[in-house]
Amino acid sequence: MSLSYDKLSPSAVEEALSTAPGWSLDGPALVRDFSFESYKDGLVFGAAVGYVADALNHHPDLHIGYKKVRVSMVTHDAGGGLTSYDFELARRINGLLG
């Protein structure tokens, strides 16, 4: 799959969701909530997400709470819609979990 900042159609978004287990839609955003054994584990995960995101040059919103991290993303260059970059980043973040 080649990466593009072109906004995906609703049917393409539904198809791409099947390639990103654990992720769902919250309005226009692709989101996933992660739970951890400790605050520190969530913080370390958040930093790892930052490195993966920076390598792809596609940056999600992170909310780090007590034992929980929420990752949320849209592609601003696509008018706030979802693109192949969002789903590629979701797959790479899933890969951090081992």
N, C-alpha and C. Protein backbone atom coordinates (compact mmCIF):
# COMPACT_ATOMS: atom_id res chain seq x y z
N MET A 1 0.84 -1.17 0.00
CA MET A 1 0.00 0.00 0.00
C MET A 1 0.89 1.24 0.00
N SER A 2 0.66 2.14 -0.92
CA SER A 2 1.42 3.39 -0.92
C SER A 2 0.71 4.39 -0.01
N LEU A 3 1.49 5.20 0.64
CA LEU A 3 0.93 6.17 1.57
C LEU A 3 0.60 7.46 0.84
N SER A 4 -0.52 8.04 1.23
CA SER A 4 -0.99 9.25 0.59
C SER A 4 -1.74 10.10 1.60
N TYR A 5 -1.70 11.40 1.40
CA TYR A 5 -2.48 12.31 2.24
C TYR A 5 -3.86 12.57 1.65
N ASP A 6 -4.26 11.76 0.68
CA ASP A 6 -5.61 11.89 0.13
C ASP A 6 -6.62 11.34 1.12
N LYS A 7 -7.69 12.10 1.34
CA LYS A 7 -8.74 11.69 2.27
C LYS A 7 -9.41 10.42 1.77
N LEU A 8 -9.56 9.44 2.66
CA LEU A 8 -10.20 8.18 2.30
C LEU A 8 -11.72 8.33 2.30
N SER A 9 -12.37 7.60 1.42
CA SER A 9 -13.82 7.57 1.38
C SER A 9 -14.33 6.80 2.61
N PRO A 10 -15.59 6.97 2.97
CA PRO A 10 -16.13 6.20 4.10
C PRO A 10 -15.96 4.69 3.93
N SER A 11 -16.14 4.17 2.73
CA SER A 11 -15.98 2.72 2.53
C SER A 11 -14.51 2.31 2.65
N ALA A 12 -13.59 3.16 2.21
CA ALA A 12 -12.16 2.86 2.36
C ALA A 12 -11.74 2.92 3.82
N VAL A 13 -12.34 3.82 4.59
CA VAL A 13 -12.06 3.89 6.03
C VAL A 13 -12.52 2.59 6.70
N GLU A 14 -13.71 2.13 6.38
CA GLU A 14 -14.22 0.88 6.96
C GLU A 14 -13.31 -0.29 6.61
N GLU A 15 -12.85 -0.34 5.38
CA GLU A 15 -11.94 -1.41 4.96
C GLU A 15 -10.61 -1.32 5.70
N ALA A 16 -10.08 -0.11 5.84
CA ALA A 16 -8.80 0.08 6.52
C ALA A 16 -8.90 -0.25 8.01
N LEU A 17 -10.06 -0.04 8.61
CA LEU A 17 -10.23 -0.38 10.03
C LEU A 17 -9.96 -1.85 10.29
N SER A 18 -10.24 -2.70 9.31
CA SER A 18 -10.02 -4.14 9.49
C SER A 18 -8.53 -4.47 9.55
N THR A 19 -7.67 -3.54 9.15
CA THR A 19 -6.22 -3.76 9.17
C THR A 19 -5.57 -3.20 10.43
N ALA A 20 -6.39 -2.60 11.30
CA ALA A 20 -5.87 -1.95 12.51
C ALA A 20 -6.67 -2.43 13.73
N PRO A 21 -6.42 -3.65 14.18
CA PRO A 21 -7.17 -4.20 15.31
C PRO A 21 -7.10 -3.31 16.55
N GLY A 22 -8.24 -3.14 17.20
CA GLY A 22 -8.32 -2.36 18.43
C GLY A 22 -8.65 -0.90 18.22
N TRP A 23 -8.57 -0.43 16.99
CA TRP A 23 -8.83 0.97 16.68
C TRP A 23 -10.29 1.14 16.28
N SER A 24 -10.81 2.34 16.55
CA SER A 24 -12.20 2.64 16.19
C SER A 24 -12.30 4.11 15.81
N LEU A 25 -13.49 4.48 15.38
CA LEU A 25 -13.73 5.87 15.02
C LEU A 25 -14.43 6.58 16.16
N ASP A 26 -13.99 7.79 16.42
CA ASP A 26 -14.66 8.68 17.37
C ASP A 26 -14.87 9.98 16.61
N GLY A 27 -16.04 10.12 16.02
CA GLY A 27 -16.27 11.23 15.10
C GLY A 27 -15.36 11.04 13.90
N PRO A 28 -14.62 12.06 13.53
CA PRO A 28 -13.73 11.92 12.37
C PRO A 28 -12.38 11.28 12.69
N ALA A 29 -12.11 11.04 13.97
CA ALA A 29 -10.78 10.60 14.41
C ALA A 29 -10.69 9.08 14.54
N LEU A 30 -9.49 8.58 14.29
CA LEU A 30 -9.13 7.20 14.55
C LEU A 30 -8.53 7.16 15.95
N VAL A 31 -9.09 6.32 16.83
CA VAL A 31 -8.67 6.33 18.24
C VAL A 31 -8.47 4.92 18.77
N ARG A 32 -7.64 4.85 19.80
CA ARG A 32 -7.49 3.62 20.56
C ARG A 32 -7.05 3.98 21.97
N ASP A 33 -7.65 3.30 22.94
CA ASP A 33 -7.28 3.45 24.34
C ASP A 33 -6.44 2.25 24.74
N PHE A 34 -5.33 2.52 25.41
CA PHE A 34 -4.42 1.49 25.88
C PHE A 34 -4.38 1.54 27.40
N SER A 35 -4.31 0.37 28.04
CA SER A 35 -4.21 0.28 29.50
C SER A 35 -2.87 -0.33 29.88
N PHE A 36 -2.33 0.12 31.01
CA PHE A 36 -1.01 -0.32 31.46
C PHE A 36 -1.03 -0.64 32.95
N GLU A 37 -0.01 -1.32 33.40
CA GLU A 37 0.11 -1.71 34.80
C GLU A 37 0.45 -0.52 35.71
N SER A 38 1.11 0.49 35.13
CA SER A 38 1.50 1.64 35.94
C SER A 38 1.49 2.90 35.07
N TYR A 39 1.51 4.04 35.74
CA TYR A 39 1.61 5.31 35.04
C TYR A 39 2.89 5.35 34.21
N LYS A 40 4.00 4.88 34.80
CA LYS A 40 5.29 4.90 34.11
C LYS A 40 5.23 4.09 32.81
N ASP A 41 4.58 2.93 32.84
CA ASP A 41 4.47 2.12 31.62
C ASP A 41 3.74 2.89 30.52
N GLY A 42 2.68 3.60 30.89
CA GLY A 42 1.94 4.41 29.91
C GLY A 42 2.79 5.55 29.38
N LEU A 43 3.56 6.15 30.25
CA LEU A 43 4.43 7.25 29.84
C LEU A 43 5.50 6.77 28.86
N VAL A 44 6.10 5.62 29.15
CA VAL A 44 7.11 5.04 28.26
C VAL A 44 6.47 4.70 26.91
N PHE A 45 5.26 4.13 26.94
CA PHE A 45 4.55 3.82 25.70
C PHE A 45 4.29 5.10 24.90
N GLY A 46 3.86 6.15 25.58
CA GLY A 46 3.61 7.43 24.91
C GLY A 46 4.86 7.95 24.21
N ALA A 47 6.02 7.82 24.87
CA ALA A 47 7.28 8.26 24.26
C ALA A 47 7.60 7.39 23.04
N ALA A 48 7.35 6.08 23.13
CA ALA A 48 7.60 5.19 21.99
C ALA A 48 6.69 5.55 20.82
N VAL A 49 5.44 5.88 21.12
CA VAL A 49 4.51 6.33 20.06
C VAL A 49 5.08 7.58 19.40
N GLY A 50 5.62 8.48 20.19
CA GLY A 50 6.21 9.70 19.64
C GLY A 50 7.34 9.42 18.67
N TYR A 51 8.21 8.47 19.01
CA TYR A 51 9.31 8.11 18.11
C TYR A 51 8.79 7.50 16.81
N VAL A 52 7.83 6.60 16.92
CA VAL A 52 7.26 5.95 15.72
C VAL A 52 6.57 7.00 14.85
N ALA A 53 5.82 7.89 15.48
CA ALA A 53 5.11 8.93 14.74
C ALA A 53 6.08 9.88 14.05
N ASP A 54 7.13 10.25 14.75
CA ASP A 54 8.09 11.18 14.16
C ASP A 54 8.80 10.56 12.96
N ALA A 55 9.10 9.26 13.05
CA ALA A 55 9.75 8.57 11.93
C ALA A 55 8.85 8.56 10.69
N LEU A 56 7.53 8.50 10.91
CA LEU A 56 6.58 8.51 9.80
C LEU A 56 6.21 9.94 9.40
N ASN A 57 6.59 10.91 10.24
CA ASN A 57 6.22 12.32 10.04
C ASN A 57 4.70 12.48 10.02
N HIS A 58 4.06 11.80 10.97
CA HIS A 58 2.60 11.86 11.11
C HIS A 58 2.30 11.78 12.60
N HIS A 59 1.80 12.85 13.18
CA HIS A 59 1.80 13.02 14.62
C HIS A 59 0.39 12.99 15.21
N PRO A 60 0.11 12.00 16.07
CA PRO A 60 -1.20 11.89 16.70
C PRO A 60 -1.29 12.76 17.95
N ASP A 61 -2.51 12.88 18.46
CA ASP A 61 -2.72 13.47 19.78
C ASP A 61 -2.59 12.34 20.80
N LEU A 62 -1.89 12.62 21.88
CA LEU A 62 -1.72 11.65 22.95
C LEU A 62 -2.31 12.23 24.23
N HIS A 63 -3.09 11.43 24.92
CA HIS A 63 -3.58 11.79 26.25
C HIS A 63 -3.07 10.72 27.20
N ILE A 64 -2.15 11.11 28.07
CA ILE A 64 -1.56 10.16 29.01
C ILE A 64 -2.17 10.42 30.38
N GLY A 65 -2.86 9.41 30.87
CA GLY A 65 -3.47 9.48 32.19
C GLY A 65 -2.90 8.39 33.07
N TYR A 66 -3.53 8.18 34.20
CA TYR A 66 -3.06 7.17 35.14
C TYR A 66 -3.38 5.77 34.60
N LYS A 67 -2.35 5.06 34.18
CA LYS A 67 -2.44 3.70 33.65
C LYS A 67 -3.19 3.62 32.32
N LYS A 68 -3.42 4.75 31.67
CA LYS A 68 -4.14 4.76 30.39
C LYS A 68 -3.51 5.77 29.43
N VAL A 69 -3.51 5.40 28.16
CA VAL A 69 -3.07 6.31 27.10
C VAL A 69 -4.10 6.25 25.99
N ARG A 70 -4.57 7.40 25.55
CA ARG A 70 -5.46 7.48 24.40
C ARG A 70 -4.68 8.10 23.25
N VAL A 71 -4.70 7.41 22.12
CA VAL A 71 -4.08 7.92 20.90
C VAL A 71 -5.21 8.26 19.94
N SER A 72 -5.16 9.45 19.39
CA SER A 72 -6.21 9.94 18.49
C SER A 72 -5.55 10.64 17.32
N MET A 73 -6.08 10.38 16.12
CA MET A 73 -5.47 11.04 14.96
C MET A 73 -6.45 11.29 13.83
N VAL A 74 -6.17 12.35 13.12
CA VAL A 74 -6.77 12.70 11.83
C VAL A 74 -5.64 13.32 11.02
N THR A 75 -5.85 13.45 9.73
CA THR A 75 -4.86 14.11 8.89
C THR A 75 -5.35 15.53 8.60
N HIS A 76 -4.69 16.49 9.21
CA HIS A 76 -5.10 17.89 9.05
C HIS A 76 -4.98 18.34 7.60
N ASP A 77 -3.97 17.83 6.89
CA ASP A 77 -3.79 18.19 5.48
C ASP A 77 -4.89 17.64 4.59
N ALA A 78 -5.71 16.74 5.13
CA ALA A 78 -6.84 16.18 4.38
C ALA A 78 -8.15 16.76 4.90
N GLY A 79 -8.08 17.95 5.46
CA GLY A 79 -9.28 18.59 5.97
C GLY A 79 -9.83 17.93 7.22
N GLY A 80 -8.98 17.27 7.98
CA GLY A 80 -9.42 16.61 9.20
C GLY A 80 -9.98 15.22 8.96
N GLY A 81 -9.79 14.68 7.77
CA GLY A 81 -10.24 13.33 7.47
C GLY A 81 -9.15 12.32 7.74
N LEU A 82 -9.44 11.08 7.42
CA LEU A 82 -8.47 10.01 7.60
C LEU A 82 -7.82 9.65 6.27
N THR A 83 -6.54 9.32 6.35
CA THR A 83 -5.77 8.94 5.17
C THR A 83 -5.04 7.63 5.45
N SER A 84 -4.34 7.14 4.45
CA SER A 84 -3.57 5.92 4.65
C SER A 84 -2.48 6.11 5.71
N TYR A 85 -2.02 7.34 5.91
CA TYR A 85 -1.03 7.60 6.95
C TYR A 85 -1.58 7.28 8.35
N ASP A 86 -2.84 7.61 8.59
CA ASP A 86 -3.43 7.33 9.90
C ASP A 86 -3.44 5.83 10.19
N PHE A 87 -3.81 5.06 9.20
CA PHE A 87 -3.89 3.61 9.41
C PHE A 87 -2.51 2.97 9.46
N GLU A 88 -1.56 3.49 8.71
CA GLU A 88 -0.19 2.98 8.80
C GLU A 88 0.37 3.25 10.19
N LEU A 89 0.14 4.45 10.71
CA LEU A 89 0.61 4.77 12.05
C LEU A 89 -0.08 3.88 13.09
N ALA A 90 -1.36 3.63 12.94
CA ALA A 90 -2.08 2.75 13.87
C ALA A 90 -1.46 1.36 13.88
N ARG A 91 -1.13 0.84 12.71
CA ARG A 91 -0.50 -0.49 12.63
C ARG A 91 0.88 -0.49 13.29
N ARG A 92 1.63 0.58 13.08
CA ARG A 92 2.96 0.65 13.69
C ARG A 92 2.86 0.78 15.21
N ILE A 93 1.88 1.53 15.69
CA ILE A 93 1.67 1.64 17.14
C ILE A 93 1.28 0.27 17.69
N ASN A 94 0.39 -0.44 17.00
CA ASN A 94 0.04 -1.79 17.45
C ASN A 94 1.28 -2.67 17.54
N GLY A 95 2.23 -2.49 16.63
CA GLY A 95 3.47 -3.26 16.64
C GLY A 95 4.33 -3.02 17.88
N LEU A 96 4.13 -1.90 18.55
CA LEU A 96 4.88 -1.62 19.78
C LEU A 96 4.48 -2.54 20.91
N LEU A 97 3.32 -3.13 20.80
CA LEU A 97 2.80 -3.97 21.89
C LEU A 97 3.38 -5.37 21.87
N GLY A 98 4.13 -5.70 20.82
CA GLY A 98 4.78 -7.00 20.73
C GLY A 98 3.95 -7.99 20.13
